[in-house]
PDB file of N, CA and C in Angstrom:
ATOM      1  N   UNK A   1      10.491 199.494  62.693  1.00  0.00           N
ATOM      2  CA  UNK A   1       9.909 198.344  62.018  1.00  0.00           C
ATOM      3  C   UNK A   1      10.549 197.086  62.599  1.00  0.00           C
ATOM      4  N   UNK A   2       9.758 196.089  62.945  1.00  0.00           N
ATOM      5  CA  UNK A   2      10.297 194.852  63.487  1.00  0.00           C
ATOM      6  C   UNK A   2      11.183 194.132  62.474  1.00  0.00           C
ATOM      7  N   UNK A   3      12.188 193.407  62.987  1.00  0.00           N
ATOM      8  CA  UNK A   3      13.105 192.706  62.097  1.00  0.00           C
ATOM      9  C   UNK A   3      12.584 191.339  61.683  1.00  0.00           C
ATOM     10  N   UNK A   4      11.755 190.729  62.481  1.00  0.00           N
ATOM     11  CA  UNK A   4      11.185 189.432  62.160  1.00  0.00           C
ATOM     12  C   UNK A   4      10.144 189.620  61.059  1.00  0.00           C
ATOM     13  N   UNK A   5      10.221 188.863  59.962  1.00  0.00           N
ATOM     14  CA  UNK A   5       9.264 189.030  58.867  1.00  0.00           C
ATOM     15  C   UNK A   5       7.808 188.827  59.296  1.00  0.00           C
ATOM     16  N   UNK A   6       7.584 187.903  60.207  1.00  0.00           N
ATOM     17  CA  UNK A   6       6.212 187.676  60.682  1.00  0.00           C
ATOM     18  C   UNK A   6       5.711 188.894  61.441  1.00  0.00           C
ATOM     19  N   UNK A   7       6.566 189.471  62.289  1.00  0.00           N
ATOM     20  CA  UNK A   7       6.181 190.684  63.017  1.00  0.00           C
ATOM     21  C   UNK A   7       5.896 191.829  62.047  1.00  0.00           C
ATOM     22  N   UNK A   8       6.701 191.928  61.014  1.00  0.00           N
ATOM     23  CA  UNK A   8       6.503 192.973  60.003  1.00  0.00           C
ATOM     24  C   UNK A   8       5.160 192.793  59.315  1.00  0.00           C
ATOM     25  N   UNK A   9       4.863 191.558  58.909  1.00  0.00           N
ATOM     26  CA  UNK A   9       3.589 191.270  58.250  1.00  0.00           C
ATOM     27  C   UNK A   9       2.420 191.610  59.171  1.00  0.00           C
ATOM     28  N   UNK A  10       2.513 191.192  60.435  1.00  0.00           N
ATOM     29  CA  UNK A  10       1.424 191.457  61.379  1.00  0.00           C
ATOM     30  C   UNK A  10       1.237 192.954  61.601  1.00  0.00           C
ATOM     31  N   UNK A  11       2.321 193.718  61.626  1.00  0.00           N
ATOM     32  CA  UNK A  11       2.221 195.169  61.803  1.00  0.00           C
ATOM     33  C   UNK A  11       1.535 195.817  60.594  1.00  0.00           C
ATOM     34  N   UNK A  12       1.917 195.395  59.397  1.00  0.00           N
ATOM     35  CA  UNK A  12       1.295 195.933  58.179  1.00  0.00           C
ATOM     36  C   UNK A  12      -0.174 195.541  58.117  1.00  0.00           C
ATOM     37  N   UNK A  13      -0.459 194.299  58.459  1.00  0.00           N
ATOM     38  CA  UNK A  13      -1.843 193.823  58.462  1.00  0.00           C
ATOM     39  C   UNK A  13      -2.686 194.648  59.435  1.00  0.00           C
ATOM     40  N   UNK A  14      -2.151 194.917  60.608  1.00  0.00           N
ATOM     41  CA  UNK A  14      -2.864 195.690  61.620  1.00  0.00           C
ATOM     42  C   UNK A  14      -3.176 197.099  61.116  1.00  0.00           C
ATOM     43  N   UNK A  15      -2.232 197.701  60.420  1.00  0.00           N
ATOM     44  CA  UNK A  15      -2.417 199.059  59.910  1.00  0.00           C
ATOM     45  C   UNK A  15      -3.418 199.102  58.753  1.00  0.00           C
ATOM     46  N   UNK A  16      -3.563 197.988  58.019  1.00  0.00           N
ATOM     47  CA  UNK A  16      -4.431 197.965  56.849  1.00  0.00           C
ATOM     48  C   UNK A  16      -5.878 197.581  57.176  1.00  0.00           C
ATOM     49  N   UNK A  17      -6.107 197.013  58.325  1.00  0.00           N
ATOM     50  CA  UNK A  17      -7.449 196.540  58.673  1.00  0.00           C
ATOM     51  C   UNK A  17      -8.349 197.674  59.127  1.00  0.00           C
ATOM     52  N   UNK A  18      -9.635 197.550  58.803  1.00  0.00           N
ATOM     53  CA  UNK A  18     -10.623 198.487  59.333  1.00  0.00           C
ATOM     54  C   UNK A  18     -10.923 198.094  60.772  1.00  0.00           C
ATOM     55  N   UNK A  19     -11.698 198.914  61.463  1.00  0.00           N
ATOM     56  CA  UNK A  19     -12.047 198.632  62.850  1.00  0.00           C
ATOM     57  C   UNK A  19     -12.722 197.283  63.023  1.00  0.00           C
ATOM     58  N   UNK A  20     -13.721 197.006  62.189  1.00  0.00           N
ATOM     59  CA  UNK A  20     -14.445 195.728  62.281  1.00  0.00           C
ATOM     60  C   UNK A  20     -13.534 194.555  61.949  1.00  0.00           C
ATOM     61  N   UNK A  21     -12.710 194.709  60.908  1.00  0.00           N
ATOM     62  CA  UNK A  21     -11.799 193.637  60.523  1.00  0.00           C
ATOM     63  C   UNK A  21     -10.789 193.364  61.628  1.00  0.00           C
ATOM     64  N   UNK A  22     -10.307 194.423  62.255  1.00  0.00           N
ATOM     65  CA  UNK A  22      -9.351 194.274  63.347  1.00  0.00           C
ATOM     66  C   UNK A  22      -9.998 193.570  64.538  1.00  0.00           C
ATOM     67  N   UNK A  23     -11.228 193.978  64.889  1.00  0.00           N
ATOM     68  CA  UNK A  23     -11.935 193.329  65.986  1.00  0.00           C
ATOM     69  C   UNK A  23     -12.137 191.848  65.686  1.00  0.00           C
ATOM     70  N   UNK A  24     -12.526 191.533  64.450  1.00  0.00           N
ATOM     71  CA  UNK A  24     -12.728 190.137  64.058  1.00  0.00           C
ATOM     72  C   UNK A  24     -11.414 189.362  64.138  1.00  0.00           C
ATOM     73  N   UNK A  25     -10.331 189.970  63.686  1.00  0.00           N
ATOM     74  CA  UNK A  25      -9.024 189.301  63.711  1.00  0.00           C
ATOM     75  C   UNK A  25      -8.571 189.037  65.144  1.00  0.00           C
ATOM     76  N   UNK A  26      -8.792 189.993  66.031  1.00  0.00           N
ATOM     77  CA  UNK A  26      -8.376 189.834  67.428  1.00  0.00           C
ATOM     78  C   UNK A  26      -9.210 188.749  68.106  1.00  0.00           C
ATOM     79  N   UNK A  27     -10.514 188.736  67.860  1.00  0.00           N
ATOM     80  CA  UNK A  27     -11.369 187.698  68.440  1.00  0.00           C
ATOM     81  C   UNK A  27     -11.001 186.316  67.895  1.00  0.00           C
ATOM     82  N   UNK A  28     -10.697 186.243  66.612  1.00  0.00           N
ATOM     83  CA  UNK A  28     -10.286 184.969  66.009  1.00  0.00           C
ATOM     84  C   UNK A  28      -8.963 184.494  66.593  1.00  0.00           C
ATOM     85  N   UNK A  29      -8.048 185.417  66.786  1.00  0.00           N
ATOM     86  CA  UNK A  29      -6.757 185.062  67.381  1.00  0.00           C
ATOM     87  C   UNK A  29      -6.956 184.520  68.790  1.00  0.00           C
ATOM     88  N   UNK A  30      -7.814 185.157  69.567  1.00  0.00           N
ATOM     89  CA  UNK A  30      -8.088 184.687  70.926  1.00  0.00           C
ATOM     90  C   UNK A  30      -8.711 183.296  70.887  1.00  0.00           C
ATOM     91  N   UNK A  31      -9.643 183.069  69.953  1.00  0.00           N
ATOM     92  CA  UNK A  31     -10.266 181.746  69.826  1.00  0.00           C
ATOM     93  C   UNK A  31      -9.222 180.686  69.470  1.00  0.00           C
ATOM     94  N   UNK A  32      -8.321 181.035  68.582  1.00  0.00           N
ATOM     95  CA  UNK A  32      -7.262 180.113  68.181  1.00  0.00           C
ATOM     96  C   UNK A  32      -6.357 179.781  69.358  1.00  0.00           C
ATOM     97  N   UNK A  33      -6.026 180.793  70.149  1.00  0.00           N
ATOM     98  CA  UNK A  33      -5.173 180.574  71.326  1.00  0.00           C
ATOM     99  C   UNK A  33      -5.887 179.737  72.381  1.00  0.00           C
ATOM    100  N   UNK A  34      -7.192 179.985  72.557  1.00  0.00           N
ATOM    101  CA  UNK A  34      -7.971 179.179  73.499  1.00  0.00           C
ATOM    102  C   UNK A  34      -8.022 177.728  73.037  1.00  0.00           C
ATOM    103  N   UNK A  35      -8.223 177.512  71.734  1.00  0.00           N
ATOM    104  CA  UNK A  35      -8.266 176.153  71.183  1.00  0.00           C
ATOM    105  C   UNK A  35      -6.912 175.457  71.376  1.00  0.00           C
ATOM    106  N   UNK A  36      -5.823 176.183  71.184  1.00  0.00           N
ATOM    107  CA  UNK A  36      -4.490 175.595  71.372  1.00  0.00           C
ATOM    108  C   UNK A  36      -4.301 175.176  72.832  1.00  0.00           C
ATOM    109  N   UNK A  37      -4.746 176.009  73.767  1.00  0.00           N
ATOM    110  CA  UNK A  37      -4.650 175.655  75.186  1.00  0.00           C
ATOM    111  C   UNK A  37      -5.514 174.429  75.482  1.00  0.00           C
ATOM    112  N   UNK A  38      -6.680 174.378  74.870  1.00  0.00           N
ATOM    113  CA  UNK A  38      -7.582 173.238  75.063  1.00  0.00           C
ATOM    114  C   UNK A  38      -6.942 171.956  74.506  1.00  0.00           C
ATOM    115  N   UNK A  39      -6.316 172.055  73.346  1.00  0.00           N
ATOM    116  CA  UNK A  39      -5.702 170.891  72.709  1.00  0.00           C
ATOM    117  C   UNK A  39      -4.475 170.390  73.457  1.00  0.00           C
ATOM    118  N   UNK A  40      -3.809 171.290  74.179  1.00  0.00           N
ATOM    119  CA  UNK A  40      -2.606 170.935  74.950  1.00  0.00           C
ATOM    120  C   UNK A  40      -2.902 171.114  76.437  1.00  0.00           C
ATOM    121  N   UNK A  41      -4.038 170.635  76.877  1.00  0.00           N
ATOM    122  CA  UNK A  41      -4.597 170.947  78.178  1.00  0.00           C
ATOM    123  C   UNK A  41      -3.615 170.785  79.332  1.00  0.00           C
ATOM    124  N   UNK A  42      -3.039 169.611  79.507  1.00  0.00           N
ATOM    125  CA  UNK A  42      -2.150 169.377  80.650  1.00  0.00           C
ATOM    126  C   UNK A  42      -0.955 170.319  80.627  1.00  0.00           C
ATOM    127  N   UNK A  43      -0.369 170.468  79.458  1.00  0.00           N
ATOM    128  CA  UNK A  43       0.767 171.373  79.298  1.00  0.00           C
ATOM    129  C   UNK A  43       0.362 172.826  79.562  1.00  0.00           C
ATOM    130  N   UNK A  44      -0.817 173.208  79.074  1.00  0.00           N
ATOM    131  CA  UNK A  44      -1.305 174.580  79.260  1.00  0.00           C
ATOM    132  C   UNK A  44      -1.537 174.885  80.737  1.00  0.00           C
ATOM    133  N   UNK A  45      -2.031 173.916  81.476  1.00  0.00           N
ATOM    134  CA  UNK A  45      -2.227 174.110  82.917  1.00  0.00           C
ATOM    135  C   UNK A  45      -0.900 174.271  83.640  1.00  0.00           C
ATOM    136  N   UNK A  46       0.036 173.389  83.332  1.00  0.00           N
ATOM    137  CA  UNK A  46       1.325 173.388  84.016  1.00  0.00           C
ATOM    138  C   UNK A  46       2.175 174.618  83.681  1.00  0.00           C
ATOM    139  N   UNK A  47       2.138 175.039  82.442  1.00  0.00           N
ATOM    140  CA  UNK A  47       3.008 176.127  81.996  1.00  0.00           C
ATOM    141  C   UNK A  47       2.442 177.521  82.268  1.00  0.00           C
ATOM    142  N   UNK A  48       1.166 177.595  82.611  1.00  0.00           N
ATOM    143  CA  UNK A  48       0.541 178.904  82.796  1.00  0.00           C
ATOM    144  C   UNK A  48      -0.075 179.446  81.511  1.00  0.00           C
ATOM    145  N   UNK A  49       0.008 178.675  80.434  1.00  0.00           N
ATOM    146  CA  UNK A  49      -0.553 179.110  79.153  1.00  0.00           C
ATOM    147  C   UNK A  49      -2.058 179.334  79.254  1.00  0.00           C
ATOM    148  N   UNK A  50      -2.748 178.459  79.970  1.00  0.00           N
ATOM    149  CA  UNK A  50      -4.195 178.603  80.101  1.00  0.00           C
ATOM    150  C   UNK A  50      -4.553 179.946  80.720  1.00  0.00           C
ATOM    151  N   UNK A  51      -3.912 180.281  81.804  1.00  0.00           N
ATOM    152  CA  UNK A  51      -4.203 181.564  82.452  1.00  0.00           C
ATOM    153  C   UNK A  51      -3.860 182.729  81.526  1.00  0.00           C
ATOM    154  N   UNK A  52      -2.762 182.608  80.809  1.00  0.00           N
ATOM    155  CA  UNK A  52      -2.350 183.670  79.881  1.00  0.00           C
ATOM    156  C   UNK A  52      -3.400 183.910  78.794  1.00  0.00           C
ATOM    157  N   UNK A  53      -3.892 182.832  78.175  1.00  0.00           N
ATOM    158  CA  UNK A  53      -4.862 183.011  77.098  1.00  0.00           C
ATOM    159  C   UNK A  53      -6.226 183.446  77.627  1.00  0.00           C
ATOM    160  N   UNK A  54      -6.572 182.996  78.831  1.00  0.00           N
ATOM    161  CA  UNK A  54      -7.827 183.464  79.432  1.00  0.00           C
ATOM    162  C   UNK A  54      -7.771 184.957  79.717  1.00  0.00           C
ATOM    163  N   UNK A  55      -6.646 185.414  80.218  1.00  0.00           N
ATOM    164  CA  UNK A  55      -6.495 186.854  80.501  1.00  0.00           C
ATOM    165  C   UNK A  55      -6.468 187.669  79.199  1.00  0.00           C
ATOM    166  N   UNK A  56      -5.843 187.131  78.175  1.00  0.00           N
ATOM    167  CA  UNK A  56      -5.821 187.791  76.866  1.00  0.00           C
ATOM    168  C   UNK A  56      -7.249 187.976  76.365  1.00  0.00           C
ATOM    169  N   UNK A  57      -8.024 186.909  76.405  1.00  0.00           N
ATOM    170  CA  UNK A  57      -9.407 186.969  75.952  1.00  0.00           C
ATOM    171  C   UNK A  57     -10.218 187.935  76.818  1.00  0.00           C
ATOM    172  N   UNK A  58      -9.969 187.916  78.102  1.00  0.00           N
ATOM    173  CA  UNK A  58     -10.691 188.805  79.011  1.00  0.00           C
ATOM    174  C   UNK A  58     -10.371 190.273  78.720  1.00  0.00           C
ATOM    175  N   UNK A  59      -9.130 190.567  78.406  1.00  0.00           N
ATOM    176  CA  UNK A  59      -8.765 191.951  78.064  1.00  0.00           C
ATOM    177  C   UNK A  59      -9.496 192.410  76.808  1.00  0.00           C
ATOM    178  N   UNK A  60      -9.592 191.533  75.829  1.00  0.00           N
ATOM    179  CA  UNK A  60     -10.327 191.868  74.599  1.00  0.00           C
ATOM    180  C   UNK A  60     -11.767 192.218  74.938  1.00  0.00           C
ATOM    181  N   UNK A  61     -12.406 191.381  75.722  1.00  0.00           N
ATOM    182  CA  UNK A  61     -13.806 191.607  76.060  1.00  0.00           C
ATOM    183  C   UNK A  61     -13.988 192.830  76.960  1.00  0.00           C
ATOM    184  N   UNK A  62     -13.004 193.156  77.765  1.00  0.00           N
ATOM    185  CA  UNK A  62     -13.077 194.376  78.573  1.00  0.00           C
ATOM    186  C   UNK A  62     -13.063 195.601  77.675  1.00  0.00           C
ATOM    187  N   UNK A  63     -12.214 195.595  76.663  1.00  0.00           N
ATOM    188  CA  UNK A  63     -12.172 196.703  75.694  1.00  0.00           C
ATOM    189  C   UNK A  63     -13.512 196.805  74.965  1.00  0.00           C
ATOM    190  N   UNK A  64     -14.052 195.663  74.551  1.00  0.00           N
ATOM    191  CA  UNK A  64     -15.348 195.676  73.880  1.00  0.00           C
ATOM    192  C   UNK A  64     -16.445 196.224  74.800  1.00  0.00           C
ATOM    193  N   UNK A  65     -16.402 195.851  76.076  1.00  0.00           N
ATOM    194  CA  UNK A  65     -17.385 196.353  77.043  1.00  0.00           C
ATOM    195  C   UNK A  65     -17.321 197.868  77.154  1.00  0.00           C
ATOM    196  N   UNK A  66     -16.122 198.399  77.233  1.00  0.00           N
ATOM    197  CA  UNK A  66     -15.945 199.851  77.339  1.00  0.00           C
ATOM    198  C   UNK A  66     -16.496 200.534  76.094  1.00  0.00           C
ATOM    199  N   UNK A  67     -16.175 199.993  74.925  1.00  0.00           N
ATOM    200  CA  UNK A  67     -16.669 200.572  73.671  1.00  0.00           C
ATOM    201  C   UNK A  67     -18.189 200.491  73.575  1.00  0.00           C
ATOM    202  N   UNK A  68     -18.743 199.375  73.978  1.00  0.00           N
ATOM    203  CA  UNK A  68     -20.199 199.200  73.908  1.00  0.00           C
ATOM    204  C   UNK A  68     -20.925 200.125  74.873  1.00  0.00           C
ATOM    205  N   UNK A  69     -20.316 200.409  76.006  1.00  0.00           N
ATOM    206  CA  UNK A  69     -20.952 201.238  77.023  1.00  0.00           C
ATOM    207  C   UNK A  69     -20.769 202.738  76.782  1.00  0.00           C
ATOM    208  N   UNK A  70     -19.894 203.096  75.851  1.00  0.00           N
ATOM    209  CA  UNK A  70     -19.651 204.515  75.617  1.00  0.00           C
ATOM    210  C   UNK A  70     -20.857 205.162  74.940  1.00  0.00           C
ATOM    211  N   UNK A  71     -21.116 206.397  75.298  1.00  0.00           N
ATOM    212  CA  UNK A  71     -22.274 207.115  74.767  1.00  0.00           C
ATOM    213  C   UNK A  71     -22.189 207.328  73.258  1.00  0.00           C
ATOM    214  N   UNK A  72     -20.994 207.425  72.735  1.00  0.00           N
ATOM    215  CA  UNK A  72     -20.818 207.680  71.309  1.00  0.00           C
ATOM    216  C   UNK A  72     -20.909 206.444  70.434  1.00  0.00           C
ATOM    217  N   UNK A  73     -21.151 205.294  71.031  1.00  0.00           N
ATOM    218  CA  UNK A  73     -21.223 204.067  70.245  1.00  0.00           C
ATOM    219  C   UNK A  73     -22.445 204.105  69.344  1.00  0.00           C
ATOM    220  N   UNK A  74     -22.249 203.921  68.023  1.00  0.00           N
ATOM    221  CA  UNK A  74     -23.352 204.067  67.068  1.00  0.00           C
ATOM    222  C   UNK A  74     -24.256 202.839  66.917  1.00  0.00           C
ATOM    223  N   UNK A  75     -23.938 201.731  67.570  1.00  0.00           N
ATOM    224  CA  UNK A  75     -24.760 200.530  67.422  1.00  0.00           C
ATOM    225  C   UNK A  75     -26.153 200.742  68.014  1.00  0.00           C
ATOM    226  N   UNK A  76     -27.141 200.055  67.491  1.00  0.00           N
ATOM    227  CA  UNK A  76     -28.491 200.134  68.062  1.00  0.00           C
ATOM    228  C   UNK A  76     -28.488 199.672  69.524  1.00  0.00           C
ATOM    229  N   UNK A  77     -29.331 200.293  70.314  1.00  0.00           N
ATOM    230  CA  UNK A  77     -29.363 200.032  71.755  1.00  0.00           C
ATOM    231  C   UNK A  77     -29.548 198.545  72.071  1.00  0.00           C
ATOM    232  N   UNK A  78     -30.468 197.879  71.383  1.00  0.00           N
ATOM    233  CA  UNK A  78     -30.717 196.454  71.641  1.00  0.00           C
ATOM    234  C   UNK A  78     -29.477 195.611  71.375  1.00  0.00           C
ATOM    235  N   UNK A  79     -28.777 195.894  70.298  1.00  0.00           N
ATOM    236  CA  UNK A  79     -27.572 195.150  69.968  1.00  0.00           C
ATOM    237  C   UNK A  79     -26.491 195.372  71.024  1.00  0.00           C
ATOM    238  N   UNK A  80     -26.328 196.623  71.442  1.00  0.00           N
ATOM    239  CA  UNK A  80     -25.340 196.924  72.489  1.00  0.00           C
ATOM    240  C   UNK A  80     -25.672 196.156  73.763  1.00  0.00           C
ATOM    241  N   UNK A  81     -26.939 196.165  74.160  1.00  0.00           N
ATOM    242  CA  UNK A  81     -27.337 195.469  75.380  1.00  0.00           C
ATOM    243  C   UNK A  81     -27.105 193.959  75.262  1.00  0.00           C
ATOM    244  N   UNK A  82     -27.411 193.400  74.105  1.00  0.00           N
ATOM    245  CA  UNK A  82     -27.180 191.965  73.895  1.00  0.00           C
ATOM    246  C   UNK A  82     -25.695 191.620  73.961  1.00  0.00           C
ATOM    247  N   UNK A  83     -24.869 192.453  73.340  1.00  0.00           N
ATOM    248  CA  UNK A  83     -23.424 192.209  73.363  1.00  0.00           C
ATOM    249  C   UNK A  83     -22.850 192.402  74.764  1.00  0.00           C
ATOM    250  N   UNK A  84     -23.375 193.374  75.498  1.00  0.00           N
ATOM    251  CA  UNK A  84     -22.931 193.550  76.886  1.00  0.00           C
ATOM    252  C   UNK A  84     -23.328 192.354  77.742  1.00  0.00           C
ATOM    253  N   UNK A  85     -24.519 191.826  77.536  1.00  0.00           N
ATOM    254  CA  UNK A  85     -24.945 190.619  78.259  1.00  0.00           C
ATOM    255  C   UNK A  85     -24.037 189.440  77.904  1.00  0.00           C
ATOM    256  N   UNK A  86     -23.703 189.330  76.647  1.00  0.00           N
ATOM    257  CA  UNK A  86     -22.797 188.276  76.206  1.00  0.00           C
ATOM    258  C   UNK A  86     -21.422 188.447  76.847  1.00  0.00           C
ATOM    259  N   UNK A  87     -20.973 189.684  76.972  1.00  0.00           N
ATOM    260  CA  UNK A  87     -19.672 189.928  77.594  1.00  0.00           C
ATOM    261  C   UNK A  87     -19.672 189.513  79.064  1.00  0.00           C
ATOM    262  N   UNK A  88     -20.804 189.661  79.729  1.00  0.00           N
ATOM    263  CA  UNK A  88     -20.906 189.214  81.119  1.00  0.00           C
ATOM    264  C   UNK A  88     -20.820 187.689  81.195  1.00  0.00           C
ATOM    265  N   UNK A  89     -21.402 187.013  80.223  1.00  0.00           N
ATOM    266  CA  UNK A  89     -21.296 185.564  80.155  1.00  0.00           C
ATOM    267  C   UNK A  89     -19.840 185.147  79.945  1.00  0.00           C
ATOM    268  N   UNK A  90     -19.137 185.872  79.081  1.00  0.00           N
ATOM    269  CA  UNK A  90     -17.715 185.594  78.843  1.00  0.00           C
ATOM    270  C   UNK A  90     -16.928 185.768  80.139  1.00  0.00           C
ATOM    271  N   UNK A  91     -17.193 186.854  80.872  1.00  0.00           N
ATOM    272  CA  UNK A  91     -16.511 187.073  82.154  1.00  0.00           C
ATOM    273  C   UNK A  91     -16.788 185.931  83.126  1.00  0.00           C
ATOM    274  N   UNK A  92     -18.052 185.562  83.230  1.00  0.00           N
ATOM    275  CA  UNK A  92     -18.443 184.503  84.167  1.00  0.00           C
ATOM    276  C   UNK A  92     -17.756 183.188  83.817  1.00  0.00           C
ATOM    277  N   UNK A  93     -17.769 182.819  82.531  1.00  0.00           N
ATOM    278  CA  UNK A  93     -17.141 181.562  82.115  1.00  0.00           C
ATOM    279  C   UNK A  93     -15.630 181.614  82.322  1.00  0.00           C
ATOM    280  N   UNK A  94     -15.029 182.765  82.060  1.00  0.00           N
ATOM    281  CA  UNK A  94     -13.583 182.906  82.252  1.00  0.00           C
ATOM    282  C   UNK A  94     -13.209 182.649  83.709  1.00  0.00           C
ATOM    283  N   UNK A  95     -13.934 183.278  84.629  1.00  0.00           N
ATOM    284  CA  UNK A  95     -13.653 183.078  86.054  1.00  0.00           C
ATOM    285  C   UNK A  95     -13.932 181.638  86.479  1.00  0.00           C
ATOM    286  N   UNK A  96     -14.945 181.041  85.877  1.00  0.00           N
ATOM    287  CA  UNK A  96     -15.262 179.643  86.180  1.00  0.00           C
ATOM    288  C   UNK A  96     -14.124 178.727  85.750  1.00  0.00           C
ATOM    289  N   UNK A  97     -13.584 178.963  84.555  1.00  0.00           N
ATOM    290  CA  UNK A  97     -12.474 178.130  84.071  1.00  0.00           C
ATOM    291  C   UNK A  97     -11.230 178.355  84.927  1.00  0.00           C
ATOM    292  N   UNK A  98     -11.002 179.597  85.347  1.00  0.00           N
ATOM    293  CA  UNK A  98      -9.844 179.874  86.199  1.00  0.00           C
ATOM    294  C   UNK A  98      -9.987 179.178  87.557  1.00  0.00           C
ATOM    295  N   UNK A  99     -11.191 179.166  88.090  1.00  0.00           N
ATOM    296  CA  UNK A  99     -11.426 178.577  89.411  1.00  0.00           C
ATOM    297  C   UNK A  99     -11.514 177.059  89.366  1.00  0.00           C
ATOM    298  N   UNK A 100     -12.177 176.538  88.361  1.00  0.00           N
ATOM    299  CA  UNK A 100     -12.403 175.099  88.233  1.00  0.00           C
ATOM    300  C   UNK A 100     -12.068 174.675  86.806  1.00  0.00           C
ATOM    301  N   UNK A 101     -10.762 174.567  86.507  1.00  0.00           N
ATOM    302  CA  UNK A 101     -10.333 174.295  85.133  1.00  0.00           C
ATOM    303  C   UNK A 101     -10.908 172.995  84.566  1.00  0.00           C
ATOM    304  N   UNK A 102     -11.387 173.116  83.348  1.00  0.00           N
ATOM    305  CA  UNK A 102     -11.880 171.970  82.583  1.00  0.00           C
ATOM    306  C   UNK A 102     -11.814 172.356  81.109  1.00  0.00           C
ATOM    307  N   UNK A 103     -11.202 171.498  80.312  1.00  0.00           N
ATOM    308  CA  UNK A 103     -10.983 171.809  78.894  1.00  0.00           C
ATOM    309  C   UNK A 103     -12.285 172.070  78.149  1.00  0.00           C
ATOM    310  N   UNK A 104     -13.325 171.320  78.461  1.00  0.00           N
ATOM    311  CA  UNK A 104     -14.576 171.481  77.710  1.00  0.00           C
ATOM    312  C   UNK A 104     -15.269 172.813  77.997  1.00  0.00           C
ATOM    313  N   UNK A 105     -14.934 173.459  79.095  1.00  0.00           N
ATOM    314  CA  UNK A 105     -15.522 174.762  79.411  1.00  0.00           C
ATOM    315  C   UNK A 105     -15.048 175.853  78.450  1.00  0.00           C
ATOM    316  N   UNK A 106     -13.952 175.599  77.758  1.00  0.00           N
ATOM    317  CA  UNK A 106     -13.442 176.582  76.795  1.00  0.00           C
ATOM    318  C   UNK A 106     -14.270 176.621  75.521  1.00  0.00           C
ATOM    319  N   UNK A 107     -15.035 175.564  75.260  1.00  0.00           N
ATOM    320  CA  UNK A 107     -15.841 175.513  74.034  1.00  0.00           C
ATOM    321  C   UNK A 107     -16.742 176.735  73.886  1.00  0.00           C
ATOM    322  N   UNK A 108     -17.352 177.161  74.975  1.00  0.00           N
ATOM    323  CA  UNK A 108     -18.263 178.314  74.931  1.00  0.00           C
ATOM    324  C   UNK A 108     -17.513 179.578  74.531  1.00  0.00           C
ATOM    325  N   UNK A 109     -16.363 179.806  75.147  1.00  0.00           N
ATOM    326  CA  UNK A 109     -15.575 181.008  74.833  1.00  0.00           C
ATOM    327  C   UNK A 109     -15.100 180.993  73.387  1.00  0.00           C
ATOM    328  N   UNK A 110     -14.645 179.834  72.930  1.00  0.00           N
ATOM    329  CA  UNK A 110     -14.177 179.701  71.546  1.00  0.00           C
ATOM    330  C   UNK A 110     -15.325 179.964  70.580  1.00  0.00           C
ATOM    331  N   UNK A 111     -16.465 179.380  70.861  1.00  0.00           N
ATOM    332  CA  UNK A 111     -17.637 179.544  69.996  1.00  0.00           C
ATOM    333  C   UNK A 111     -18.103 180.994  69.938  1.00  0.00           C
ATOM    334  N   UNK A 112     -18.175 181.642  71.085  1.00  0.00           N
ATOM    335  CA  UNK A 112     -18.596 183.046  71.126  1.00  0.00           C
ATOM    336  C   UNK A 112     -17.651 183.903  70.291  1.00  0.00           C
ATOM    337  N   UNK A 113     -16.356 183.748  70.516  1.00  0.00           N
ATOM    338  CA  UNK A 113     -15.384 184.554  69.774  1.00  0.00           C
ATOM    339  C   UNK A 113     -15.498 184.318  68.269  1.00  0.00           C
ATOM    340  N   UNK A 114     -15.578 183.043  67.875  1.00  0.00           N
ATOM    341  CA  UNK A 114     -15.661 182.735  66.438  1.00  0.00           C
ATOM    342  C   UNK A 114     -16.957 183.281  65.826  1.00  0.00           C
ATOM    343  N   UNK A 115     -18.059 183.170  66.528  1.00  0.00           N
ATOM    344  CA  UNK A 115     -19.330 183.645  65.991  1.00  0.00           C
ATOM    345  C   UNK A 115     -19.377 185.171  65.889  1.00  0.00           C
ATOM    346  N   UNK A 116     -18.869 185.864  66.902  1.00  0.00           N
ATOM    347  CA  UNK A 116     -18.835 187.338  66.841  1.00  0.00           C
ATOM    348  C   UNK A 116     -17.890 187.778  65.723  1.00  0.00           C
ATOM    349  N   UNK A 117     -16.740 187.112  65.601  1.00  0.00           N
ATOM    350  CA  UNK A 117     -15.796 187.453  64.524  1.00  0.00           C
ATOM    351  C   UNK A 117     -16.441 187.243  63.160  1.00  0.00           C
ATOM    352  N   UNK A 118     -17.165 186.149  62.998  1.00  0.00           N
ATOM    353  CA  UNK A 118     -17.840 185.883  61.723  1.00  0.00           C
ATOM    354  C   UNK A 118     -18.882 186.981  61.448  1.00  0.00           C
ATOM    355  N   UNK A 119     -19.604 187.377  62.474  1.00  0.00           N
ATOM    356  CA  UNK A 119     -20.596 188.456  62.302  1.00  0.00           C
ATOM    357  C   UNK A 119     -19.954 189.770  61.903  1.00  0.00           C
ATOM    358  N   UNK A 120     -18.814 190.073  62.498  1.00  0.00           N
ATOM    359  CA  UNK A 120     -18.094 191.292  62.159  1.00  0.00           C
ATOM    360  C   UNK A 120     -17.591 191.265  60.712  1.00  0.00           C
ATOM    361  N   UNK A 121     -17.291 190.075  60.243  1.00  0.00           N
ATOM    362  CA  UNK A 121     -16.826 189.924  58.860  1.00  0.00           C
ATOM    363  C   UNK A 121     -18.005 189.864  57.882  1.00  0.00           C
ATOM    364  N   UNK A 122     -19.220 189.816  58.415  1.00  0.00           N
ATOM    365  CA  UNK A 122     -20.404 189.752  57.563  1.00  0.00           C
ATOM    366  C   UNK A 122     -20.681 188.373  57.033  1.00  0.00           C
ATOM    367  N   UNK A 123     -20.205 187.356  57.721  1.00  0.00           N
ATOM    368  CA  UNK A 123     -20.400 185.965  57.263  1.00  0.00           C
ATOM    369  C   UNK A 123     -21.653 185.380  57.879  1.00  0.00           C
TER     370      UNK A 123
END
């Protein structure tokens, strides 16, 4: 068990969440981190924070892509295809921001993550 109270809380929270709740929480966390990098743009570029949060978000979407593409995925085919198309957009925008950094380009990634998280929460 972690000694830091925040780490302890996060570990308990992770164990108590359902799959959808966990996915929503992870997407929300990525959106929050992207927004923080956007708000501290110059510092995020210089410190490597921007690249770190972009890679974090990309890893999340890679996991989602694998899950969506698996044969055992119970989602309707149309929904899976739409989410996979959206994941390709996320990949494209991520590489675009890495190649040609601009703070406003993060808006799309933040919006996608927040909207998918809200959908997972049933909002």
